[in-house]
Amino acid sequence: YIRPASCTDEVFRSMWAEFEWENKVAITTIITDLSDFLEHIVKSTNMTCLTPYDESQTGTFLAANLYARSVFGEDALVNVSVEKKEDQSGELAGYIRIRSKTQGIALSLGDRITTVQRGVPKTQQA
């Protein structure tokens, strides 16, 4: 019921400030690469990543904004803020925040992200 869509950064920030429903999901995944994790979330949620990123960039932190619109014309905004722990595990930690005008979109998208984030992207499956 969600389709990828795009908007300007200005429109995204305006909607982010306006929308009252927020769902915050802690990142829990076996994926250890920042760009692989972002790509997995984008594909699994059927959203558009509005933040340009270069997979060749190395770092320990990634922040990105995602956007989609439901078949009913409702906007769904997502902010991914994830860091790679600098310990032996190399695990990812952080939060995914979802905002929308309606509670239903925020909750259902949060449930979807909670379910899919633990999975392994197809590129890493044996």
PDB file of N, CA and C in Angstrom:
ATOM      1  N   TYR A   1       0.803  -1.192   0.000  1.00  0.00           N
ATOM      2  CA  TYR A   1       0.000   0.000   0.000  1.00  0.00           C
ATOM      3  C   TYR A   1       0.854   1.269   0.000  1.00  0.00           C
ATOM      4  N   ILE A   2       2.182   1.100   0.074  1.00  0.00           N
ATOM      5  CA  ILE A   2       3.094   2.247   0.041  1.00  0.00           C
ATOM      6  C   ILE A   2       3.865   2.215  -1.262  1.00  0.00           C
ATOM      7  N   ARG A   3       3.977   3.392  -1.866  1.00  0.00           N
ATOM      8  CA  ARG A   3       4.699   3.512  -3.136  1.00  0.00           C
ATOM      9  C   ARG A   3       5.829   4.517  -2.979  1.00  0.00           C
ATOM     10  N   PRO A   4       6.974   4.251  -3.620  1.00  0.00           N
ATOM     11  CA  PRO A   4       8.071   5.218  -3.553  1.00  0.00           C
ATOM     12  C   PRO A   4       7.612   6.565  -4.118  1.00  0.00           C
ATOM     13  N   ALA A   5       8.076   7.635  -3.524  1.00  0.00           N
ATOM     14  CA  ALA A   5       7.755   8.978  -3.998  1.00  0.00           C
ATOM     15  C   ALA A   5       8.946   9.869  -3.689  1.00  0.00           C
ATOM     16  N   SER A   6       8.923  11.084  -4.200  1.00  0.00           N
ATOM     17  CA  SER A   6      10.022  11.996  -3.913  1.00  0.00           C
ATOM     18  C   SER A   6       9.484  13.378  -3.577  1.00  0.00           C
ATOM     19  N   CYS A   7      10.292  14.121  -2.862  1.00  0.00           N
ATOM     20  CA  CYS A   7       9.979  15.501  -2.518  1.00  0.00           C
ATOM     21  C   CYS A   7      11.305  16.213  -2.249  1.00  0.00           C
ATOM     22  N   THR A   8      11.263  17.528  -2.171  1.00  0.00           N
ATOM     23  CA  THR A   8      12.474  18.288  -1.892  1.00  0.00           C
ATOM     24  C   THR A   8      12.821  18.191  -0.405  1.00  0.00           C
ATOM     25  N   ASP A   9      14.052  18.512  -0.074  1.00  0.00           N
ATOM     26  CA  ASP A   9      14.465  18.514   1.332  1.00  0.00           C
ATOM     27  C   ASP A   9      13.617  19.490   2.136  1.00  0.00           C
ATOM     28  N   GLU A  10      13.310  20.620   1.531  1.00  0.00           N
ATOM     29  CA  GLU A  10      12.507  21.634   2.213  1.00  0.00           C
ATOM     30  C   GLU A  10      11.109  21.108   2.544  1.00  0.00           C
ATOM     31  N   VAL A  11      10.474  20.446   1.585  1.00  0.00           N
ATOM     32  CA  VAL A  11       9.143  19.874   1.802  1.00  0.00           C
ATOM     33  C   VAL A  11       9.218  18.774   2.865  1.00  0.00           C
ATOM     34  N   PHE A  12      10.263  17.939   2.801  1.00  0.00           N
ATOM     35  CA  PHE A  12      10.440  16.874   3.787  1.00  0.00           C
ATOM     36  C   PHE A  12      10.526  17.465   5.189  1.00  0.00           C
ATOM     37  N   ARG A  13      11.380  18.483   5.369  1.00  0.00           N
ATOM     38  CA  ARG A  13      11.554  19.105   6.689  1.00  0.00           C
ATOM     39  C   ARG A  13      10.254  19.737   7.173  1.00  0.00           C
ATOM     40  N   SER A  14       9.518  20.343   6.268  1.00  0.00           N
ATOM     41  CA  SER A  14       8.246  20.965   6.630  1.00  0.00           C
ATOM     42  C   SER A  14       7.245  19.910   7.116  1.00  0.00           C
ATOM     43  N   MET A  15       7.123  18.810   6.377  1.00  0.00           N
ATOM     44  CA  MET A  15       6.219  17.726   6.791  1.00  0.00           C
ATOM     45  C   MET A  15       6.695  17.107   8.099  1.00  0.00           C
ATOM     46  N   TRP A  16       8.021  16.938   8.251  1.00  0.00           N
ATOM     47  CA  TRP A  16       8.573  16.336   9.463  1.00  0.00           C
ATOM     48  C   TRP A  16       8.162  17.152  10.686  1.00  0.00           C
ATOM     49  N   ALA A  17       8.215  18.461  10.566  1.00  0.00           N
ATOM     50  CA  ALA A  17       7.845  19.333  11.683  1.00  0.00           C
ATOM     51  C   ALA A  17       6.336  19.320  11.933  1.00  0.00           C
ATOM     52  N   GLU A  18       5.565  19.153  10.867  1.00  0.00           N
ATOM     53  CA  GLU A  18       4.100  19.215  10.948  1.00  0.00           C
ATOM     54  C   GLU A  18       3.469  17.920  11.471  1.00  0.00           C
ATOM     55  N   PHE A  19       4.004  16.774  11.050  1.00  0.00           N
ATOM     56  CA  PHE A  19       3.373  15.498  11.372  1.00  0.00           C
ATOM     57  C   PHE A  19       3.525  15.175  12.855  1.00  0.00           C
ATOM     58  N   GLU A  20       2.415  14.757  13.463  1.00  0.00           N
ATOM     59  CA  GLU A  20       2.424  14.533  14.908  1.00  0.00           C
ATOM     60  C   GLU A  20       2.659  13.086  15.311  1.00  0.00           C
ATOM     61  N   TRP A  21       2.407  12.130  14.433  1.00  0.00           N
ATOM     62  CA  TRP A  21       2.585  10.721  14.815  1.00  0.00           C
ATOM     63  C   TRP A  21       4.022  10.301  14.531  1.00  0.00           C
ATOM     64  N   GLU A  22       4.681   9.795  15.561  1.00  0.00           N
ATOM     65  CA  GLU A  22       6.050   9.305  15.388  1.00  0.00           C
ATOM     66  C   GLU A  22       6.186   7.934  16.024  1.00  0.00           C
ATOM     67  N   ASN A  23       6.899   7.074  15.338  1.00  0.00           N
ATOM     68  CA  ASN A  23       7.205   5.740  15.826  1.00  0.00           C
ATOM     69  C   ASN A  23       8.718   5.589  15.740  1.00  0.00           C
ATOM     70  N   LYS A  24       9.350   5.277  16.851  1.00  0.00           N
ATOM     71  CA  LYS A  24      10.806   5.154  16.910  1.00  0.00           C
ATOM     72  C   LYS A  24      11.164   3.684  17.074  1.00  0.00           C
ATOM     73  N   VAL A  25      11.947   3.160  16.138  1.00  0.00           N
ATOM     74  CA  VAL A  25      12.320   1.745  16.127  1.00  0.00           C
ATOM     75  C   VAL A  25      13.827   1.627  16.339  1.00  0.00           C
ATOM     76  N   ALA A  26      14.223   0.886  17.355  1.00  0.00           N
ATOM     77  CA  ALA A  26      15.650   0.644  17.595  1.00  0.00           C
ATOM     78  C   ALA A  26      16.183  -0.318  16.547  1.00  0.00           C
ATOM     79  N   ILE A  27      17.392  -0.067  16.099  1.00  0.00           N
ATOM     80  CA  ILE A  27      17.998  -0.922  15.074  1.00  0.00           C
ATOM     81  C   ILE A  27      18.554  -2.182  15.731  1.00  0.00           C
ATOM     82  N   THR A  28      18.094  -3.324  15.231  1.00  0.00           N
ATOM     83  CA  THR A  28      18.545  -4.637  15.673  1.00  0.00           C
ATOM     84  C   THR A  28      18.723  -5.483  14.418  1.00  0.00           C
ATOM     85  N   THR A  29      19.966  -5.709  14.034  1.00  0.00           N
ATOM     86  CA  THR A  29      20.207  -6.411  12.773  1.00  0.00           C
ATOM     87  C   THR A  29      21.513  -7.195  12.817  1.00  0.00           C
ATOM     88  N   ILE A  30      21.611  -8.177  11.932  1.00  0.00           N
ATOM     89  CA  ILE A  30      22.873  -8.899  11.781  1.00  0.00           C
ATOM     90  C   ILE A  30      23.715  -8.287  10.653  1.00  0.00           C
ATOM     91  N   ILE A  31      23.149  -7.351   9.927  1.00  0.00           N
ATOM     92  CA  ILE A  31      23.878  -6.656   8.864  1.00  0.00           C
ATOM     93  C   ILE A  31      24.918  -5.757   9.530  1.00  0.00           C
ATOM     94  N   THR A  32      26.150  -5.760   9.007  1.00  0.00           N
ATOM     95  CA  THR A  32      27.216  -4.969   9.625  1.00  0.00           C
ATOM     96  C   THR A  32      27.733  -3.843   8.733  1.00  0.00           C
ATOM     97  N   ASP A  33      27.219  -3.724   7.528  1.00  0.00           N
ATOM     98  CA  ASP A  33      27.653  -2.663   6.616  1.00  0.00           C
ATOM     99  C   ASP A  33      26.569  -1.581   6.550  1.00  0.00           C
ATOM    100  N   LEU A  34      26.962  -0.325   6.725  1.00  0.00           N
ATOM    101  CA  LEU A  34      26.001   0.770   6.770  1.00  0.00           C
ATOM    102  C   LEU A  34      25.191   0.904   5.479  1.00  0.00           C
ATOM    103  N   SER A  35      25.862   0.921   4.333  1.00  0.00           N
ATOM    104  CA  SER A  35      25.131   1.100   3.080  1.00  0.00           C
ATOM    105  C   SER A  35      24.271  -0.118   2.740  1.00  0.00           C
ATOM    106  N   ASP A  36      24.730  -1.323   3.091  1.00  0.00           N
ATOM    107  CA  ASP A  36      23.910  -2.524   2.881  1.00  0.00           C
ATOM    108  C   ASP A  36      22.634  -2.446   3.717  1.00  0.00           C
ATOM    109  N   PHE A  37      22.770  -1.958   4.961  1.00  0.00           N
ATOM    110  CA  PHE A  37      21.605  -1.835   5.830  1.00  0.00           C
ATOM    111  C   PHE A  37      20.609  -0.832   5.248  1.00  0.00           C
ATOM    112  N   LEU A  38      21.107   0.321   4.826  1.00  0.00           N
ATOM    113  CA  LEU A  38      20.216   1.336   4.253  1.00  0.00           C
ATOM    114  C   LEU A  38      19.514   0.796   3.009  1.00  0.00           C
ATOM    115  N   GLU A  39      20.262   0.161   2.137  1.00  0.00           N
ATOM    116  CA  GLU A  39      19.678  -0.405   0.910  1.00  0.00           C
ATOM    117  C   GLU A  39      18.615  -1.451   1.257  1.00  0.00           C
ATOM    118  N   HIS A  40      18.876  -2.263   2.254  1.00  0.00           N
ATOM    119  CA  HIS A  40      17.919  -3.293   2.683  1.00  0.00           C
ATOM    120  C   HIS A  40      16.622  -2.657   3.191  1.00  0.00           C
ATOM    121  N   ILE A  41      16.728  -1.604   3.992  1.00  0.00           N
ATOM    122  CA  ILE A  41      15.545  -0.921   4.515  1.00  0.00           C
ATOM    123  C   ILE A  41      14.764  -0.254   3.382  1.00  0.00           C
ATOM    124  N   VAL A  42      15.465   0.404   2.464  1.00  0.00           N
ATOM    125  CA  VAL A  42      14.795   1.078   1.337  1.00  0.00           C
ATOM    126  C   VAL A  42      14.006   0.066   0.502  1.00  0.00           C
ATOM    127  N   LYS A  43      14.641  -1.041   0.155  1.00  0.00           N
ATOM    128  CA  LYS A  43      13.968  -2.063  -0.662  1.00  0.00           C
ATOM    129  C   LYS A  43      12.819  -2.733   0.083  1.00  0.00           C
ATOM    130  N   SER A  44      13.033  -3.028   1.361  1.00  0.00           N
ATOM    131  CA  SER A  44      12.037  -3.747   2.145  1.00  0.00           C
ATOM    132  C   SER A  44      10.799  -2.916   2.466  1.00  0.00           C
ATOM    133  N   THR A  45      10.955  -1.595   2.483  1.00  0.00           N
ATOM    134  CA  THR A  45       9.826  -0.723   2.804  1.00  0.00           C
ATOM    135  C   THR A  45       9.205  -0.098   1.562  1.00  0.00           C
ATOM    136  N   ASN A  46       9.808  -0.294   0.413  1.00  0.00           N
ATOM    137  CA  ASN A  46       9.310   0.273  -0.843  1.00  0.00           C
ATOM    138  C   ASN A  46       9.280   1.805  -0.777  1.00  0.00           C
ATOM    139  N   MET A  47      10.370   2.370  -0.262  1.00  0.00           N
ATOM    140  CA  MET A  47      10.470   3.821  -0.124  1.00  0.00           C
ATOM    141  C   MET A  47      11.579   4.356  -1.020  1.00  0.00           C
ATOM    142  N   THR A  48      11.631   5.678  -1.149  1.00  0.00           N
ATOM    143  CA  THR A  48      12.689   6.347  -1.893  1.00  0.00           C
ATOM    144  C   THR A  48      13.662   6.969  -0.911  1.00  0.00           C
ATOM    145  N   CYS A  49      14.958   6.757  -1.132  1.00  0.00           N
ATOM    146  CA  CYS A  49      15.966   7.404  -0.306  1.00  0.00           C
ATOM    147  C   CYS A  49      16.218   8.786  -0.900  1.00  0.00           C
ATOM    148  N   LEU A  50      15.918   9.823  -0.141  1.00  0.00           N
ATOM    149  CA  LEU A  50      16.086  11.193  -0.599  1.00  0.00           C
ATOM    150  C   LEU A  50      17.507  11.699  -0.384  1.00  0.00           C
ATOM    151  N   THR A  51      18.265  11.030   0.465  1.00  0.00           N
ATOM    152  CA  THR A  51      19.622  11.451   0.802  1.00  0.00           C
ATOM    153  C   THR A  51      20.607  10.747  -0.120  1.00  0.00           C
ATOM    154  N   PRO A  52      21.359  11.524  -0.912  1.00  0.00           N
ATOM    155  CA  PRO A  52      22.347  10.875  -1.783  1.00  0.00           C
ATOM    156  C   PRO A  52      23.454  10.241  -0.938  1.00  0.00           C
ATOM    157  N   TYR A  53      23.835   9.036  -1.307  1.00  0.00           N
ATOM    158  CA  TYR A  53      24.947   8.392  -0.617  1.00  0.00           C
ATOM    159  C   TYR A  53      25.793   7.631  -1.621  1.00  0.00           C
ATOM    160  N   ASP A  54      27.055   7.530  -1.289  1.00  0.00           N
ATOM    161  CA  ASP A  54      28.028   6.865  -2.146  1.00  0.00           C
ATOM    162  C   ASP A  54      28.516   5.633  -1.406  1.00  0.00           C
ATOM    163  N   GLU A  55      28.285   4.468  -1.985  1.00  0.00           N
ATOM    164  CA  GLU A  55      28.657   3.224  -1.318  1.00  0.00           C
ATOM    165  C   GLU A  55      30.160   3.097  -1.106  1.00  0.00           C
ATOM    166  N   SER A  56      30.955   3.878  -1.852  1.00  0.00           N
ATOM    167  CA  SER A  56      32.404   3.788  -1.692  1.00  0.00           C
ATOM    168  C   SER A  56      32.886   4.591  -0.489  1.00  0.00           C
ATOM    169  N   GLN A  57      32.011   5.438   0.068  1.00  0.00           N
ATOM    170  CA  GLN A  57      32.398   6.212   1.245  1.00  0.00           C
ATOM    171  C   GLN A  57      32.522   5.280   2.442  1.00  0.00           C
ATOM    172  N   THR A  58      33.547   5.522   3.219  1.00  0.00           N
ATOM    173  CA  THR A  58      33.710   4.744   4.441  1.00  0.00           C
ATOM    174  C   THR A  58      33.506   5.666   5.622  1.00  0.00           C
ATOM    175  N   GLY A  59      32.963   5.135   6.655  1.00  0.00           N
ATOM    176  CA  GLY A  59      32.712   5.904   7.862  1.00  0.00           C
ATOM    177  C   GLY A  59      31.993   5.031   8.858  1.00  0.00           C
ATOM    178  N   THR A  60      31.713   5.598  10.014  1.00  0.00           N
ATOM    179  CA  THR A  60      31.057   4.825  11.055  1.00  0.00           C
ATOM    180  C   THR A  60      29.651   5.315  11.334  1.00  0.00           C
ATOM    181  N   PHE A  61      29.169   6.291  10.549  1.00  0.00           N
ATOM    182  CA  PHE A  61      27.852   6.858  10.793  1.00  0.00           C
ATOM    183  C   PHE A  61      27.134   7.118   9.472  1.00  0.00           C
ATOM    184  N   LEU A  62      25.827   6.889   9.462  1.00  0.00           N
ATOM    185  CA  LEU A  62      25.030   7.162   8.261  1.00  0.00           C
ATOM    186  C   LEU A  62      23.670   7.700   8.699  1.00  0.00           C
ATOM    187  N   ALA A  63      23.238   8.772   8.062  1.00  0.00           N
ATOM    188  CA  ALA A  63      21.907   9.320   8.302  1.00  0.00           C
ATOM    189  C   ALA A  63      21.257   9.534   6.946  1.00  0.00           C
ATOM    190  N   ALA A  64      20.001   9.125   6.826  1.00  0.00           N
ATOM    191  CA  ALA A  64      19.308   9.253   5.543  1.00  0.00           C
ATOM    192  C   ALA A  64      17.815   9.467   5.778  1.00  0.00           C
ATOM    193  N   ASN A  65      17.205  10.198   4.855  1.00  0.00           N
ATOM    194  CA  ASN A  65      15.761  10.414   4.881  1.00  0.00           C
ATOM    195  C   ASN A  65      15.107   9.620   3.762  1.00  0.00           C
ATOM    196  N   LEU A  66      14.008   8.935   4.100  1.00  0.00           N
ATOM    197  CA  LEU A  66      13.251   8.142   3.138  1.00  0.00           C
ATOM    198  C   LEU A  66      11.839   8.696   3.052  1.00  0.00           C
ATOM    199  N   TYR A  67      11.235   8.521   1.869  1.00  0.00           N
ATOM    200  CA  TYR A  67       9.890   9.063   1.667  1.00  0.00           C
ATOM    201  C   TYR A  67       9.069   8.119   0.803  1.00  0.00           C
ATOM    202  N   ALA A  68       7.789   8.030   1.131  1.00  0.00           N
ATOM    203  CA  ALA A  68       6.842   7.255   0.319  1.00  0.00           C
ATOM    204  C   ALA A  68       5.455   7.845   0.530  1.00  0.00           C
ATOM    205  N   ARG A  69       4.551   7.454  -0.361  1.00  0.00           N
ATOM    206  CA  ARG A  69       3.159   7.898  -0.245  1.00  0.00           C
ATOM    207  C   ARG A  69       2.273   6.669  -0.373  1.00  0.00           C
ATOM    208  N   SER A  70       1.241   6.612   0.466  1.00  0.00           N
ATOM    209  CA  SER A  70       0.332   5.464   0.420  1.00  0.00           C
ATOM    210  C   SER A  70      -0.599   5.595  -0.779  1.00  0.00           C
ATOM    211  N   VAL A  71      -1.274   4.511  -1.094  1.00  0.00           N
ATOM    212  CA  VAL A  71      -2.232   4.538  -2.204  1.00  0.00           C
ATOM    213  C   VAL A  71      -3.385   5.489  -1.906  1.00  0.00           C
ATOM    214  N   PHE A  72      -3.522   5.886  -0.630  1.00  0.00           N
ATOM    215  CA  PHE A  72      -4.584   6.811  -0.232  1.00  0.00           C
ATOM    216  C   PHE A  72      -4.090   8.250  -0.172  1.00  0.00           C
ATOM    217  N   GLY A  73      -2.830   8.478  -0.610  1.00  0.00           N
ATOM    218  CA  GLY A  73      -2.281   9.826  -0.646  1.00  0.00           C
ATOM    219  C   GLY A  73      -1.672  10.300   0.664  1.00  0.00           C
ATOM    220  N   GLU A  74      -1.457   9.382   1.610  1.00  0.00           N
ATOM    221  CA  GLU A  74      -0.847   9.762   2.886  1.00  0.00           C
ATOM    222  C   GLU A  74       0.671   9.679   2.778  1.00  0.00           C
ATOM    223  N   ASP A  75       1.340  10.674   3.330  1.00  0.00           N
ATOM    224  CA  ASP A  75       2.798  10.717   3.284  1.00  0.00           C
ATOM    225  C   ASP A  75       3.399   9.927   4.435  1.00  0.00           C
ATOM    226  N   ALA A  76       4.510   9.251   4.150  1.00  0.00           N
ATOM    227  CA  ALA A  76       5.258   8.515   5.164  1.00  0.00           C
ATOM    228  C   ALA A  76       6.704   8.993   5.098  1.00  0.00           C
ATOM    229  N   LEU A  77       7.209   9.463   6.236  1.00  0.00           N
ATOM    230  CA  LEU A  77       8.571   9.970   6.318  1.00  0.00           C
ATOM    231  C   LEU A  77       9.374   9.070   7.243  1.00  0.00           C
ATOM    232  N   VAL A  78      10.619   8.792   6.864  1.00  0.00           N
ATOM    233  CA  VAL A  78      11.481   7.953   7.693  1.00  0.00           C
ATOM    234  C   VAL A  78      12.857   8.591   7.766  1.00  0.00           C
ATOM    235  N   ASN A  79      13.429   8.611   8.972  1.00  0.00           N
ATOM    236  CA  ASN A  79      14.794   9.068   9.165  1.00  0.00           C
ATOM    237  C   ASN A  79      15.586   7.900   9.746  1.00  0.00           C
ATOM    238  N   VAL A  80      16.622   7.499   9.025  1.00  0.00           N
ATOM    239  CA  VAL A  80      17.495   6.411   9.473  1.00  0.00           C
ATOM    240  C   VAL A  80      18.763   7.046  10.035  1.00  0.00           C
ATOM    241  N   SER A  81      19.076   6.733  11.279  1.00  0.00           N
ATOM    242  CA  SER A  81      20.283   7.239  11.923  1.00  0.00           C
ATOM    243  C   SER A  81      20.997   6.036  12.531  1.00  0.00           C
ATOM    244  N   VAL A  82      22.090   5.636  11.896  1.00  0.00           N
ATOM    245  CA  VAL A  82      22.743   4.386  12.285  1.00  0.00           C
ATOM    246  C   VAL A  82      24.256   4.573  12.344  1.00  0.00           C
ATOM    247  N   GLU A  83      24.868   3.910  13.329  1.00  0.00           N
ATOM    248  CA  GLU A  83      26.317   3.957  13.441  1.00  0.00           C
ATOM    249  C   GLU A  83      26.868   2.548  13.607  1.00  0.00           C
ATOM    250  N   LYS A  84      28.096   2.399  13.143  1.00  0.00           N
ATOM    251  CA  LYS A  84      28.784   1.112  13.283  1.00  0.00           C
ATOM    252  C   LYS A  84      29.610   1.189  14.553  1.00  0.00           C
ATOM    253  N   LYS A  85      29.334   0.273  15.472  1.00  0.00           N
ATOM    254  CA  LYS A  85      30.085   0.254  16.730  1.00  0.00           C
ATOM    255  C   LYS A  85      31.557  -0.029  16.445  1.00  0.00           C
ATOM    256  N   GLU A  86      32.413   0.651  17.170  1.00  0.00           N
ATOM    257  CA  GLU A  86      33.852   0.497  16.932  1.00  0.00           C
ATOM    258  C   GLU A  86      34.483  -0.535  17.856  1.00  0.00           C
ATOM    259  N   ASP A  87      33.676  -1.526  18.236  1.00  0.00           N
ATOM    260  CA  ASP A  87      34.216  -2.596  19.076  1.00  0.00           C
ATOM    261  C   ASP A  87      34.444  -3.842  18.221  1.00  0.00           C
ATOM    262  N   GLN A  88      34.714  -4.945  18.851  1.00  0.00           N
ATOM    263  CA  GLN A  88      34.996  -6.194  18.134  1.00  0.00           C
ATOM    264  C   GLN A  88      33.820  -6.665  17.275  1.00  0.00           C
ATOM    265  N   SER A  89      32.601  -6.414  17.745  1.00  0.00           N
ATOM    266  CA  SER A  89      31.423  -6.944  17.054  1.00  0.00           C
ATOM    267  C   SER A  89      31.150  -6.246  15.728  1.00  0.00           C
ATOM    268  N   GLY A  90      31.425  -4.960  15.663  1.00  0.00           N
ATOM    269  CA  GLY A  90      31.139  -4.211  14.441  1.00  0.00           C
ATOM    270  C   GLY A  90      29.651  -4.104  14.152  1.00  0.00           C
ATOM    271  N   GLU A  91      28.823  -4.316  15.183  1.00  0.00           N
ATOM    272  CA  GLU A  91      27.369  -4.262  14.999  1.00  0.00           C
ATOM    273  C   GLU A  91      26.903  -2.841  14.715  1.00  0.00           C
ATOM    274  N   LEU A  92      25.713  -2.763  14.129  1.00  0.00           N
ATOM    275  CA  LEU A  92      25.096  -1.465  13.871  1.00  0.00           C
ATOM    276  C   LEU A  92      24.153  -1.128  15.018  1.00  0.00           C
ATOM    277  N   ALA A  93      24.069   0.154  15.338  1.00  0.00           N
ATOM    278  CA  ALA A  93      23.181   0.624  16.397  1.00  0.00           C
ATOM    279  C   ALA A  93      22.582   1.954  15.970  1.00  0.00           C
ATOM    280  N   GLY A  94      21.434   2.263  16.507  1.00  0.00           N
ATOM    281  CA  GLY A  94      20.797   3.535  16.190  1.00  0.00           C
ATOM    282  C   GLY A  94      19.296   3.391  16.181  1.00  0.00           C
ATOM    283  N   TYR A  95      18.642   4.360  15.523  1.00  0.00           N
ATOM    284  CA  TYR A  95      17.182   4.373  15.485  1.00  0.00           C
ATOM    285  C   TYR A  95      16.665   4.724  14.105  1.00  0.00           C
ATOM    286  N   ILE A  96      15.483   4.215  13.829  1.00  0.00           N
ATOM    287  CA  ILE A  96      14.734   4.593  12.631  1.00  0.00           C
ATOM    288  C   ILE A  96      13.470   5.268  13.137  1.00  0.00           C
ATOM    289  N   ARG A  97      13.285   6.521  12.747  1.00  0.00           N
ATOM    290  CA  ARG A  97      12.112   7.281  13.185  1.00  0.00           C
ATOM    291  C   ARG A  97      11.163   7.437  12.002  1.00  0.00           C
ATOM    292  N   ILE A  98       9.898   7.144  12.253  1.00  0.00           N
ATOM    293  CA  ILE A  98       8.855   7.211  11.230  1.00  0.00           C
ATOM    294  C   ILE A  98       7.864   8.290  11.639  1.00  0.00           C
ATOM    295  N   ARG A  99       7.518   9.163  10.713  1.00  0.00           N
ATOM    296  CA  ARG A  99       6.499  10.176  11.003  1.00  0.00           C
ATOM    297  C   ARG A  99       5.440  10.172   9.915  1.00  0.00           C
ATOM    298  N   SER A 100       4.207  10.422  10.355  1.00  0.00           N
ATOM    299  CA  SER A 100       3.078  10.520   9.421  1.00  0.00           C
ATOM    300  C   SER A 100       1.958  11.321  10.077  1.00  0.00           C
ATOM    301  N   LYS A 101       0.983  11.677   9.259  1.00  0.00           N
ATOM    302  CA  LYS A 101      -0.182  12.399   9.792  1.00  0.00           C
ATOM    303  C   LYS A 101      -1.089  11.473  10.576  1.00  0.00           C
ATOM    304  N   THR A 102      -1.084  10.197  10.192  1.00  0.00           N
ATOM    305  CA  THR A 102      -1.998   9.246  10.832  1.00  0.00           C
ATOM    306  C   THR A 102      -1.225   8.193  11.612  1.00  0.00           C
ATOM    307  N   GLN A 103      -1.827   7.723  12.692  1.00  0.00           N
ATOM    308  CA  GLN A 103      -1.201   6.724  13.545  1.00  0.00           C
ATOM    309  C   GLN A 103      -0.991   5.407  12.801  1.00  0.00           C
ATOM    310  N   GLY A 104      -1.952   5.033  11.972  1.00  0.00           N
ATOM    311  CA  GLY A 104      -1.896   3.751  11.271  1.00  0.00           C
ATOM    312  C   GLY A 104      -0.653   3.592  10.425  1.00  0.00           C
ATOM    313  N   ILE A 105      -0.300   4.611   9.653  1.00  0.00           N
ATOM    314  CA  ILE A 105       0.887   4.540   8.791  1.00  0.00           C
ATOM    315  C   ILE A 105       2.142   4.405   9.654  1.00  0.00           C
ATOM    316  N   ALA A 106       2.256   5.229  10.689  1.00  0.00           N
ATOM    317  CA  ALA A 106       3.443   5.199  11.545  1.00  0.00           C
ATOM    318  C   ALA A 106       3.619   3.833  12.209  1.00  0.00           C
ATOM    319  N   LEU A 107       2.527   3.272  12.704  1.00  0.00           N
ATOM    320  CA  LEU A 107       2.613   1.982  13.389  1.00  0.00           C
ATOM    321  C   LEU A 107       2.872   0.830  12.426  1.00  0.00           C
ATOM    322  N   SER A 108       2.152   0.791  11.307  1.00  0.00           N
ATOM    323  CA  SER A 108       2.319  -0.333  10.376  1.00  0.00           C
ATOM    324  C   SER A 108       3.700  -0.308   9.708  1.00  0.00           C
ATOM    325  N   LEU A 109       4.204   0.880   9.388  1.00  0.00           N
ATOM    326  CA  LEU A 109       5.535   0.970   8.795  1.00  0.00           C
ATOM    327  C   LEU A 109       6.595   0.590   9.839  1.00  0.00           C
ATOM    328  N   GLY A 110       6.367   0.969  11.085  1.00  0.00           N
ATOM    329  CA  GLY A 110       7.272   0.568  12.164  1.00  0.00           C
ATOM    330  C   GLY A 110       7.304  -0.938  12.342  1.00  0.00           C
ATOM    331  N   ASP A 111       6.130  -1.572  12.280  1.00  0.00           N
ATOM    332  CA  ASP A 111       6.065  -3.036  12.370  1.00  0.00           C
ATOM    333  C   ASP A 111       6.816  -3.682  11.213  1.00  0.00           C
ATOM    334  N   ARG A 112       6.650  -3.139  10.024  1.00  0.00           N
ATOM    335  CA  ARG A 112       7.325  -3.668   8.838  1.00  0.00           C
ATOM    336  C   ARG A 112       8.844  -3.563   8.999  1.00  0.00           C
ATOM    337  N   ILE A 113       9.311  -2.406   9.433  1.00  0.00           N
ATOM    338  CA  ILE A 113      10.752  -2.206   9.608  1.00  0.00           C
ATOM    339  C   ILE A 113      11.294  -3.138  10.688  1.00  0.00           C
ATOM    340  N   THR A 114      10.579  -3.281  11.791  1.00  0.00           N
ATOM    341  CA  THR A 114      11.010  -4.175  12.864  1.00  0.00           C
ATOM    342  C   THR A 114      11.164  -5.601  12.342  1.00  0.00           C
ATOM    343  N   THR A 115      10.237  -6.028  11.505  1.00  0.00           N
ATOM    344  CA  THR A 115      10.265  -7.379  10.945  1.00  0.00           C
ATOM    345  C   THR A 115      11.419  -7.581   9.965  1.00  0.00           C
ATOM    346  N   VAL A 116      11.600  -6.650   9.035  1.00  0.00           N
ATOM    347  CA  VAL A 116      12.568  -6.861   7.952  1.00  0.00           C
ATOM    348  C   VAL A 116      13.998  -6.505   8.311  1.00  0.00           C
ATOM    349  N   GLN A 117      14.206  -5.639   9.294  1.00  0.00           N
ATOM    350  CA  GLN A 117      15.574  -5.200   9.566  1.00  0.00           C
ATOM    351  C   GLN A 117      16.466  -6.321  10.078  1.00  0.00           C
ATOM    352  N   ARG A 118      15.882  -7.334  10.692  1.00  0.00           N
ATOM    353  CA  ARG A 118      16.681  -8.436  11.215  1.00  0.00           C
ATOM    354  C   ARG A 118      17.159  -9.377  10.117  1.00  0.00           C
ATOM    355  N   GLY A 119      16.451  -9.374   8.997  1.00  0.00           N
ATOM    356  CA  GLY A 119      16.768 -10.289   7.901  1.00  0.00           C
ATOM    357  C   GLY A 119      18.066  -9.954   7.212  1.00  0.00           C
ATOM    358  N   VAL A 120      18.516 -10.903   6.441  1.00  0.00           N
ATOM    359  CA  VAL A 120      19.759 -10.741   5.682  1.00  0.00           C
ATOM    360  C   VAL A 120      19.401 -10.324   4.267  1.00  0.00           C
ATOM    361  N   PRO A 121      20.035  -9.253   3.760  1.00  0.00           N
ATOM    362  CA  PRO A 121      19.771  -8.889   2.368  1.00  0.00           C
ATOM    363  C   PRO A 121      20.172 -10.026   1.430  1.00  0.00           C
ATOM    364  N   LYS A 122      19.494 -10.131   0.312  1.00  0.00           N
ATOM    365  CA  LYS A 122      19.719 -11.222  -0.622  1.00  0.00           C
ATOM    366  C   LYS A 122      21.180 -11.293  -1.094  1.00  0.00           C
ATOM    367  N   THR A 123      21.870 -10.149  -1.133  1.00  0.00           N
ATOM    368  CA  THR A 123      23.264 -10.137  -1.581  1.00  0.00           C
ATOM    369  C   THR A 123      24.175 -10.864  -0.608  1.00  0.00           C
ATOM    370  N   GLN A 124      23.741 -11.027   0.659  1.00  0.00           N
ATOM    371  CA  GLN A 124      24.596 -11.691   1.657  1.00  0.00           C
ATOM    372  C   GLN A 124      24.175 -13.121   1.934  1.00  0.00           C
ATOM    373  N   GLN A 125      23.073 -13.570   1.355  1.00  0.00           N
ATOM    374  CA  GLN A 125      22.617 -14.938   1.612  1.00  0.00           C
ATOM    375  C   GLN A 125      23.480 -15.928   0.846  1.00  0.00           C
ATOM    376  N   ALA A 126      23.712 -17.059   1.448  1.00  0.00           N
ATOM    377  CA  ALA A 126      24.546 -18.081   0.792  1.00  0.00           C
ATOM    378  C   ALA A 126      23.714 -18.957  -0.109  1.00  0.00           C
TER     379      ALA A 126
END
